[in-house]
Amino acid sequence: RKMVEPFGVFSRDRDAIPNRFIDDHSEQ
């Protein structure tokens, strides 16, 4: 059921922090 798989994710100008700063709006 995973429809969205970004190629890369970040937290501002560094690598993303797992399980943080995620939300429905950006997913949609």
PDB file of all heavy atoms in Angstrom:
ATOM      1  N   ARG A   1       0.821  -1.215   0.000  1.00  0.00           N
ATOM      2  CA  ARG A   1       0.000   0.000   0.000  1.00  0.00           C
ATOM      3  C   ARG A   1       0.856   1.267   0.000  1.00  0.00           C
ATOM      4  O   ARG A   1       0.347   2.355   0.174  1.00  0.00           O
ATOM      5  CB  ARG A   1      -0.918  -0.003   1.236  1.00  0.00           C
ATOM      6  CG  ARG A   1      -2.098  -0.941   1.099  1.00  0.00           C
ATOM      7  CD  ARG A   1      -2.811  -1.144   2.424  1.00  0.00           C
ATOM      8  NE  ARG A   1      -3.103   0.091   3.129  1.00  0.00           N
ATOM      9  CZ  ARG A   1      -3.525   0.145   4.401  1.00  0.00           C
ATOM     10  NH1 ARG A   1      -3.664  -0.976   5.091  1.00  0.00           N
ATOM     11  NH2 ARG A   1      -3.780   1.309   4.981  1.00  0.00           N
ATOM     12  N   LYS A   2       2.141   1.115  -0.175  1.00  0.00           N
ATOM     13  CA  LYS A   2       3.026   2.274  -0.235  1.00  0.00           C
ATOM     14  C   LYS A   2       3.008   2.833  -1.654  1.00  0.00           C
ATOM     15  O   LYS A   2       3.483   2.192  -2.591  1.00  0.00           O
ATOM     16  CB  LYS A   2       4.440   1.874   0.175  1.00  0.00           C
ATOM     17  CG  LYS A   2       5.482   2.992   0.084  1.00  0.00           C
ATOM     18  CD  LYS A   2       5.196   4.143   1.021  1.00  0.00           C
ATOM     19  CE  LYS A   2       6.356   5.127   1.037  1.00  0.00           C
ATOM     20  NZ  LYS A   2       6.019   6.412   1.661  1.00  0.00           N
ATOM     21  N   MET A   3       2.434   4.031  -1.828  1.00  0.00           N
ATOM     22  CA  MET A   3       2.261   4.615  -3.155  1.00  0.00           C
ATOM     23  C   MET A   3       3.320   5.660  -3.477  1.00  0.00           C
ATOM     24  O   MET A   3       3.525   5.997  -4.633  1.00  0.00           O
ATOM     25  CB  MET A   3       0.874   5.269  -3.270  1.00  0.00           C
ATOM     26  CG  MET A   3      -0.287   4.344  -2.979  1.00  0.00           C
ATOM     27  SD  MET A   3      -1.864   5.187  -3.176  1.00  0.00           S
ATOM     28  CE  MET A   3      -2.954   4.056  -2.322  1.00  0.00           C
ATOM     29  N   VAL A   4       3.967   6.190  -2.443  1.00  0.00           N
ATOM     30  CA  VAL A   4       4.909   7.292  -2.624  1.00  0.00           C
ATOM     31  C   VAL A   4       6.273   6.884  -2.086  1.00  0.00           C
ATOM     32  O   VAL A   4       6.403   6.540  -0.907  1.00  0.00           O
ATOM     33  CB  VAL A   4       4.417   8.564  -1.895  1.00  0.00           C
ATOM     34  CG1 VAL A   4       5.424   9.685  -2.031  1.00  0.00           C
ATOM     35  CG2 VAL A   4       3.058   8.991  -2.431  1.00  0.00           C
ATOM     36  N   GLU A   5       7.279   6.914  -2.935  1.00  0.00           N
ATOM     37  CA  GLU A   5       8.629   6.586  -2.499  1.00  0.00           C
ATOM     38  C   GLU A   5       9.592   7.627  -3.059  1.00  0.00           C
ATOM     39  O   GLU A   5      10.053   7.515  -4.206  1.00  0.00           O
ATOM     40  CB  GLU A   5       9.031   5.190  -2.959  1.00  0.00           C
ATOM     41  CG  GLU A   5      10.384   4.723  -2.429  1.00  0.00           C
ATOM     42  CD  GLU A   5      10.460   4.671  -0.901  1.00  0.00           C
ATOM     43  OE1 GLU A   5       9.395   4.624  -0.225  1.00  0.00           O
ATOM     44  OE2 GLU A   5      11.581   4.672  -0.381  1.00  0.00           O
ATOM     45  N   PRO A   6       9.885   8.679  -2.288  1.00  0.00           N
ATOM     46  CA  PRO A   6      10.827   9.691  -2.768  1.00  0.00           C
ATOM     47  C   PRO A   6      12.218   9.106  -2.966  1.00  0.00           C
ATOM     48  O   PRO A   6      12.607   8.149  -2.281  1.00  0.00           O
ATOM     49  CB  PRO A   6      10.805  10.751  -1.668  1.00  0.00           C
ATOM     50  CG  PRO A   6      10.263  10.063  -0.468  1.00  0.00           C
ATOM     51  CD  PRO A   6       9.361   8.982  -0.952  1.00  0.00           C
ATOM     52  N   PHE A   7      12.964   9.677  -3.881  1.00  0.00           N
ATOM     53  CA  PHE A   7      14.319   9.206  -4.169  1.00  0.00           C
ATOM     54  C   PHE A   7      15.266   9.553  -3.021  1.00  0.00           C
ATOM     55  O   PHE A   7      16.185   8.801  -2.706  1.00  0.00           O
ATOM     56  CB  PHE A   7      14.813   9.845  -5.471  1.00  0.00           C
ATOM     57  CG  PHE A   7      16.106   9.288  -5.976  1.00  0.00           C
ATOM     58  CD1 PHE A   7      16.135   8.130  -6.728  1.00  0.00           C
ATOM     59  CD2 PHE A   7      17.305   9.930  -5.702  1.00  0.00           C
ATOM     60  CE1 PHE A   7      17.340   7.610  -7.196  1.00  0.00           C
ATOM     61  CE2 PHE A   7      18.512   9.430  -6.167  1.00  0.00           C
ATOM     62  CZ  PHE A   7      18.533   8.263  -6.913  1.00  0.00           C
ATOM     63  N   GLY A   8      15.034  10.717  -2.387  1.00  0.00           N
ATOM     64  CA  GLY A   8      15.851  11.143  -1.256  1.00  0.00           C
ATOM     65  C   GLY A   8      15.077  12.081  -0.359  1.00  0.00           C
ATOM     66  O   GLY A   8      14.226  12.833  -0.824  1.00  0.00           O
ATOM     67  N   VAL A   9      15.345  12.017   0.949  1.00  0.00           N
ATOM     68  CA  VAL A   9      14.673  12.894   1.905  1.00  0.00           C
ATOM     69  C   VAL A   9      15.714  13.545   2.805  1.00  0.00           C
ATOM     70  O   VAL A   9      16.748  12.954   3.130  1.00  0.00           O
ATOM     71  CB  VAL A   9      13.629  12.130   2.749  1.00  0.00           C
ATOM     72  CG1 VAL A   9      12.423  11.744   1.905  1.00  0.00           C
ATOM     73  CG2 VAL A   9      14.231  10.887   3.389  1.00  0.00           C
ATOM     74  N   PHE A  10      15.409  14.782   3.224  1.00  0.00           N
ATOM     75  CA  PHE A  10      16.354  15.574   4.000  1.00  0.00           C
ATOM     76  C   PHE A  10      15.631  16.334   5.104  1.00  0.00           C
ATOM     77  O   PHE A  10      14.423  16.559   5.040  1.00  0.00           O
ATOM     78  CB  PHE A  10      17.071  16.588   3.094  1.00  0.00           C
ATOM     79  CG  PHE A  10      17.770  15.952   1.921  1.00  0.00           C
ATOM     80  CD1 PHE A  10      17.101  15.773   0.710  1.00  0.00           C
ATOM     81  CD2 PHE A  10      19.083  15.519   2.028  1.00  0.00           C
ATOM     82  CE1 PHE A  10      17.732  15.184  -0.369  1.00  0.00           C
ATOM     83  CE2 PHE A  10      19.723  14.932   0.949  1.00  0.00           C
ATOM     84  CZ  PHE A  10      19.045  14.765  -0.248  1.00  0.00           C
ATOM     85  N   SER A  11      16.392  16.691   6.117  1.00  0.00           N
ATOM     86  CA  SER A  11      15.928  17.632   7.136  1.00  0.00           C
ATOM     87  C   SER A  11      16.720  18.920   6.914  1.00  0.00           C
ATOM     88  O   SER A  11      17.902  19.005   7.243  1.00  0.00           O
ATOM     89  CB  SER A  11      16.183  17.080   8.544  1.00  0.00           C
ATOM     90  OG  SER A  11      15.384  15.938   8.782  1.00  0.00           O
ATOM     91  N   ARG A  12      16.060  19.854   6.278  1.00  0.00           N
ATOM     92  CA  ARG A  12      16.661  21.125   5.853  1.00  0.00           C
ATOM     93  C   ARG A  12      17.846  20.852   4.913  1.00  0.00           C
ATOM     94  O   ARG A  12      17.634  20.417   3.787  1.00  0.00           O
ATOM     95  CB  ARG A  12      17.056  21.977   7.046  1.00  0.00           C
ATOM     96  CG  ARG A  12      17.266  23.459   6.690  1.00  0.00           C
ATOM     97  CD  ARG A  12      17.684  24.259   7.907  1.00  0.00           C
ATOM     98  NE  ARG A  12      16.639  24.212   8.928  1.00  0.00           N
ATOM     99  CZ  ARG A  12      16.851  24.420  10.226  1.00  0.00           C
ATOM    100  NH1 ARG A  12      18.069  24.693  10.649  1.00  0.00           N
ATOM    101  NH2 ARG A  12      15.855  24.380  11.077  1.00  0.00           N
ATOM    102  N   ASP A  13      19.086  21.071   5.343  1.00  0.00           N
ATOM    103  CA  ASP A  13      20.234  20.887   4.455  1.00  0.00           C
ATOM    104  C   ASP A  13      21.137  19.744   4.923  1.00  0.00           C
ATOM    105  O   ASP A  13      22.340  19.759   4.713  1.00  0.00           O
ATOM    106  CB  ASP A  13      21.031  22.183   4.327  1.00  0.00           C
ATOM    107  CG  ASP A  13      21.476  22.731   5.672  1.00  0.00           C
ATOM    108  OD1 ASP A  13      21.002  22.227   6.714  1.00  0.00           O
ATOM    109  OD2 ASP A  13      22.288  23.670   5.676  1.00  0.00           O
ATOM    110  N   ARG A  14      20.509  18.751   5.543  1.00  0.00           N
ATOM    111  CA  ARG A  14      21.261  17.577   5.993  1.00  0.00           C
ATOM    112  C   ARG A  14      20.383  16.343   5.787  1.00  0.00           C
ATOM    113  O   ARG A  14      19.221  16.446   5.405  1.00  0.00           O
ATOM    114  CB  ARG A  14      21.656  17.731   7.464  1.00  0.00           C
ATOM    115  CG  ARG A  14      20.470  17.801   8.427  1.00  0.00           C
ATOM    116  CD  ARG A  14      20.844  18.303   9.794  1.00  0.00           C
ATOM    117  NE  ARG A  14      21.076  19.747   9.783  1.00  0.00           N
ATOM    118  CZ  ARG A  14      21.196  20.475  10.879  1.00  0.00           C
ATOM    119  NH1 ARG A  14      21.148  19.900  12.059  1.00  0.00           N
ATOM    120  NH2 ARG A  14      21.390  21.779  10.793  1.00  0.00           N
ATOM    121  N   ASP A  15      20.943  15.172   6.027  1.00  0.00           N
ATOM    122  CA  ASP A  15      20.158  13.954   5.854  1.00  0.00           C
ATOM    123  C   ASP A  15      18.944  13.956   6.777  1.00  0.00           C
ATOM    124  O   ASP A  15      18.975  14.519   7.877  1.00  0.00           O
ATOM    125  CB  ASP A  15      21.023  12.726   6.150  1.00  0.00           C
ATOM    126  CG  ASP A  15      22.079  12.494   5.080  1.00  0.00           C
ATOM    127  OD1 ASP A  15      21.907  13.009   3.960  1.00  0.00           O
ATOM    128  OD2 ASP A  15      23.072  11.804   5.376  1.00  0.00           O
ATOM    129  N   ALA A  16      17.887  13.315   6.328  1.00  0.00           N
ATOM    130  CA  ALA A  16      16.653  13.282   7.103  1.00  0.00           C
ATOM    131  C   ALA A  16      16.850  12.561   8.429  1.00  0.00           C
ATOM    132  O   ALA A  16      17.666  11.636   8.549  1.00  0.00           O
ATOM    133  CB  ALA A  16      15.554  12.589   6.300  1.00  0.00           C
ATOM    134  N   ILE A  17      16.086  12.989   9.416  1.00  0.00           N
ATOM    135  CA  ILE A  17      16.082  12.335  10.725  1.00  0.00           C
ATOM    136  C   ILE A  17      14.969  11.287  10.721  1.00  0.00           C
ATOM    137  O   ILE A  17      13.803  11.622  10.492  1.00  0.00           O
ATOM    138  CB  ILE A  17      15.842  13.354  11.853  1.00  0.00           C
ATOM    139  CG1 ILE A  17      16.928  14.431  11.816  1.00  0.00           C
ATOM    140  CG2 ILE A  17      15.797  12.663  13.211  1.00  0.00           C
ATOM    141  CD1 ILE A  17      16.674  15.589  12.762  1.00  0.00           C
ATOM    142  N   PRO A  18      15.282  10.022  10.923  1.00  0.00           N
ATOM    143  CA  PRO A  18      14.262   8.969  10.847  1.00  0.00           C
ATOM    144  C   PRO A  18      13.071   9.251  11.757  1.00  0.00           C
ATOM    145  O   PRO A  18      13.231   9.697  12.897  1.00  0.00           O
ATOM    146  CB  PRO A  18      15.016   7.708  11.285  1.00  0.00           C
ATOM    147  CG  PRO A  18      16.441   8.005  10.950  1.00  0.00           C
ATOM    148  CD  PRO A  18      16.628   9.468  11.199  1.00  0.00           C
ATOM    149  N   ASN A  19      11.886   9.010  11.217  1.00  0.00           N
ATOM    150  CA  ASN A  19      10.624   9.071  11.966  1.00  0.00           C
ATOM    151  C   ASN A  19      10.258  10.465  12.450  1.00  0.00           C
ATOM    152  O   ASN A  19       9.335  10.615  13.253  1.00  0.00           O
ATOM    153  CB  ASN A  19      10.667   8.109  13.160  1.00  0.00           C
ATOM    154  CG  ASN A  19      11.035   6.709  12.764  1.00  0.00           C
ATOM    155  OD1 ASN A  19      10.431   6.130  11.855  1.00  0.00           O
ATOM    156  ND2 ASN A  19      12.063   6.154  13.397  1.00  0.00           N
ATOM    157  N   ARG A  20      10.938  11.498  11.979  1.00  0.00           N
ATOM    158  CA  ARG A  20      10.641  12.861  12.411  1.00  0.00           C
ATOM    159  C   ARG A  20      10.374  13.761  11.213  1.00  0.00           C
ATOM    160  O   ARG A  20      10.881  13.535  10.117  1.00  0.00           O
ATOM    161  CB  ARG A  20      11.793  13.433  13.235  1.00  0.00           C
ATOM    162  CG  ARG A  20      12.020  12.703  14.554  1.00  0.00           C
ATOM    163  CD  ARG A  20      12.952  13.507  15.441  1.00  0.00           C
ATOM    164  NE  ARG A  20      12.371  14.803  15.821  1.00  0.00           N
ATOM    165  CZ  ARG A  20      13.068  15.790  16.376  1.00  0.00           C
ATOM    166  NH1 ARG A  20      14.362  15.641  16.614  1.00  0.00           N
ATOM    167  NH2 ARG A  20      12.474  16.925  16.699  1.00  0.00           N
ATOM    168  N   PHE A  21       9.576  14.774  11.460  1.00  0.00           N
ATOM    169  CA  PHE A  21       9.254  15.805  10.467  1.00  0.00           C
ATOM    170  C   PHE A  21       8.588  15.203   9.235  1.00  0.00           C
ATOM    171  O   PHE A  21       8.938  15.517   8.094  1.00  0.00           O
ATOM    172  CB  PHE A  21      10.512  16.598  10.075  1.00  0.00           C
ATOM    173  CG  PHE A  21      11.291  17.101  11.253  1.00  0.00           C
ATOM    174  CD1 PHE A  21      12.606  16.711  11.438  1.00  0.00           C
ATOM    175  CD2 PHE A  21      10.710  17.951  12.183  1.00  0.00           C
ATOM    176  CE1 PHE A  21      13.336  17.162  12.531  1.00  0.00           C
ATOM    177  CE2 PHE A  21      11.424  18.415  13.273  1.00  0.00           C
ATOM    178  CZ  PHE A  21      12.739  18.019  13.449  1.00  0.00           C
ATOM    179  N   ILE A  22       7.626  14.318   9.466  1.00  0.00           N
ATOM    180  CA  ILE A  22       6.822  13.749   8.387  1.00  0.00           C
ATOM    181  C   ILE A  22       5.366  14.151   8.614  1.00  0.00           C
ATOM    182  O   ILE A  22       4.937  14.361   9.747  1.00  0.00           O
ATOM    183  CB  ILE A  22       6.945  12.211   8.328  1.00  0.00           C
ATOM    184  CG1 ILE A  22       6.525  11.576   9.661  1.00  0.00           C
ATOM    185  CG2 ILE A  22       8.362  11.793   7.957  1.00  0.00           C
ATOM    186  CD1 ILE A  22       6.532  10.050   9.644  1.00  0.00           C
ATOM    187  N   ASP A  23       4.613  14.298   7.527  1.00  0.00           N
ATOM    188  CA  ASP A  23       3.185  14.611   7.685  1.00  0.00           C
ATOM    189  C   ASP A  23       2.406  14.244   6.432  1.00  0.00           C
ATOM    190  O   ASP A  23       2.979  13.941   5.377  1.00  0.00           O
ATOM    191  CB  ASP A  23       2.946  16.074   8.076  1.00  0.00           C
ATOM    192  CG  ASP A  23       3.241  17.070   6.968  1.00  0.00           C
ATOM    193  OD1 ASP A  23       3.636  16.647   5.857  1.00  0.00           O
ATOM    194  OD2 ASP A  23       3.059  18.272   7.205  1.00  0.00           O
ATOM    195  N   ASP A  24       1.066  14.246   6.585  1.00  0.00           N
ATOM    196  CA  ASP A  24       0.181  13.862   5.483  1.00  0.00           C
ATOM    197  C   ASP A  24       0.278  14.831   4.312  1.00  0.00           C
ATOM    198  O   ASP A  24       0.249  14.417   3.146  1.00  0.00           O
ATOM    199  CB  ASP A  24      -1.275  13.805   5.966  1.00  0.00           C
ATOM    200  CG  ASP A  24      -1.546  12.614   6.870  1.00  0.00           C
ATOM    201  OD1 ASP A  24      -0.792  11.622   6.783  1.00  0.00           O
ATOM    202  OD2 ASP A  24      -2.498  12.679   7.669  1.00  0.00           O
ATOM    203  N   HIS A  25       0.368  16.128   4.617  1.00  0.00           N
ATOM    204  CA  HIS A  25       0.360  17.132   3.546  1.00  0.00           C
ATOM    205  C   HIS A  25       1.495  16.884   2.565  1.00  0.00           C
ATOM    206  O   HIS A  25       1.281  16.828   1.338  1.00  0.00           O
ATOM    207  CB  HIS A  25       0.468  18.537   4.152  1.00  0.00           C
ATOM    208  CG  HIS A  25       0.384  19.641   3.143  1.00  0.00           C
ATOM    209  ND1 HIS A  25       1.503  20.158   2.521  1.00  0.00           N
ATOM    210  CD2 HIS A  25      -0.676  20.325   2.648  1.00  0.00           C
ATOM    211  CE1 HIS A  25       1.135  21.126   1.695  1.00  0.00           C
ATOM    212  NE2 HIS A  25      -0.177  21.238   1.754  1.00  0.00           N
ATOM    213  N   SER A  26       2.710  16.730   3.056  1.00  0.00           N
ATOM    214  CA  SER A  26       3.843  16.522   2.160  1.00  0.00           C
ATOM    215  C   SER A  26       3.746  15.184   1.435  1.00  0.00           C
ATOM    216  O   SER A  26       4.146  15.062   0.275  1.00  0.00           O
ATOM    217  CB  SER A  26       5.159  16.622   2.933  1.00  0.00           C
ATOM    218  OG  SER A  26       5.164  15.762   4.047  1.00  0.00           O
ATOM    219  N   GLU A  27       3.210  14.171   2.108  1.00  0.00           N
ATOM    220  CA  GLU A  27       3.012  12.864   1.469  1.00  0.00           C
ATOM    221  C   GLU A  27       2.042  12.989   0.296  1.00  0.00           C
ATOM    222  O   GLU A  27       2.262  12.414  -0.788  1.00  0.00           O
ATOM    223  CB  GLU A  27       2.461  11.862   2.493  1.00  0.00           C
ATOM    224  CG  GLU A  27       2.321  10.450   1.973  1.00  0.00           C
ATOM    225  CD  GLU A  27       3.559   9.583   2.224  1.00  0.00           C
ATOM    226  OE1 GLU A  27       4.545  10.081   2.811  1.00  0.00           O
ATOM    227  OE2 GLU A  27       3.533   8.414   1.828  1.00  0.00           O
ATOM    228  N   GLN A  28       0.966  13.752   0.498  1.00  0.00           N
ATOM    229  CA  GLN A  28      -0.057  13.869  -0.538  1.00  0.00           C
ATOM    230  C   GLN A  28       0.401  14.758  -1.692  1.00  0.00           C
ATOM    231  O   GLN A  28       0.065  14.500  -2.852  1.00  0.00           O
ATOM    232  CB  GLN A  28      -1.352  14.374   0.100  1.00  0.00           C
ATOM    233  CG  GLN A  28      -1.959  13.326   1.026  1.00  0.00           C
ATOM    234  CD  GLN A  28      -3.117  13.851   1.858  1.00  0.00           C
ATOM    235  OE1 GLN A  28      -3.068  14.936   2.425  1.00  0.00           O
ATOM    236  NE2 GLN A  28      -4.180  13.058   1.937  1.00  0.00           N
TER     237      GLN A  28
END
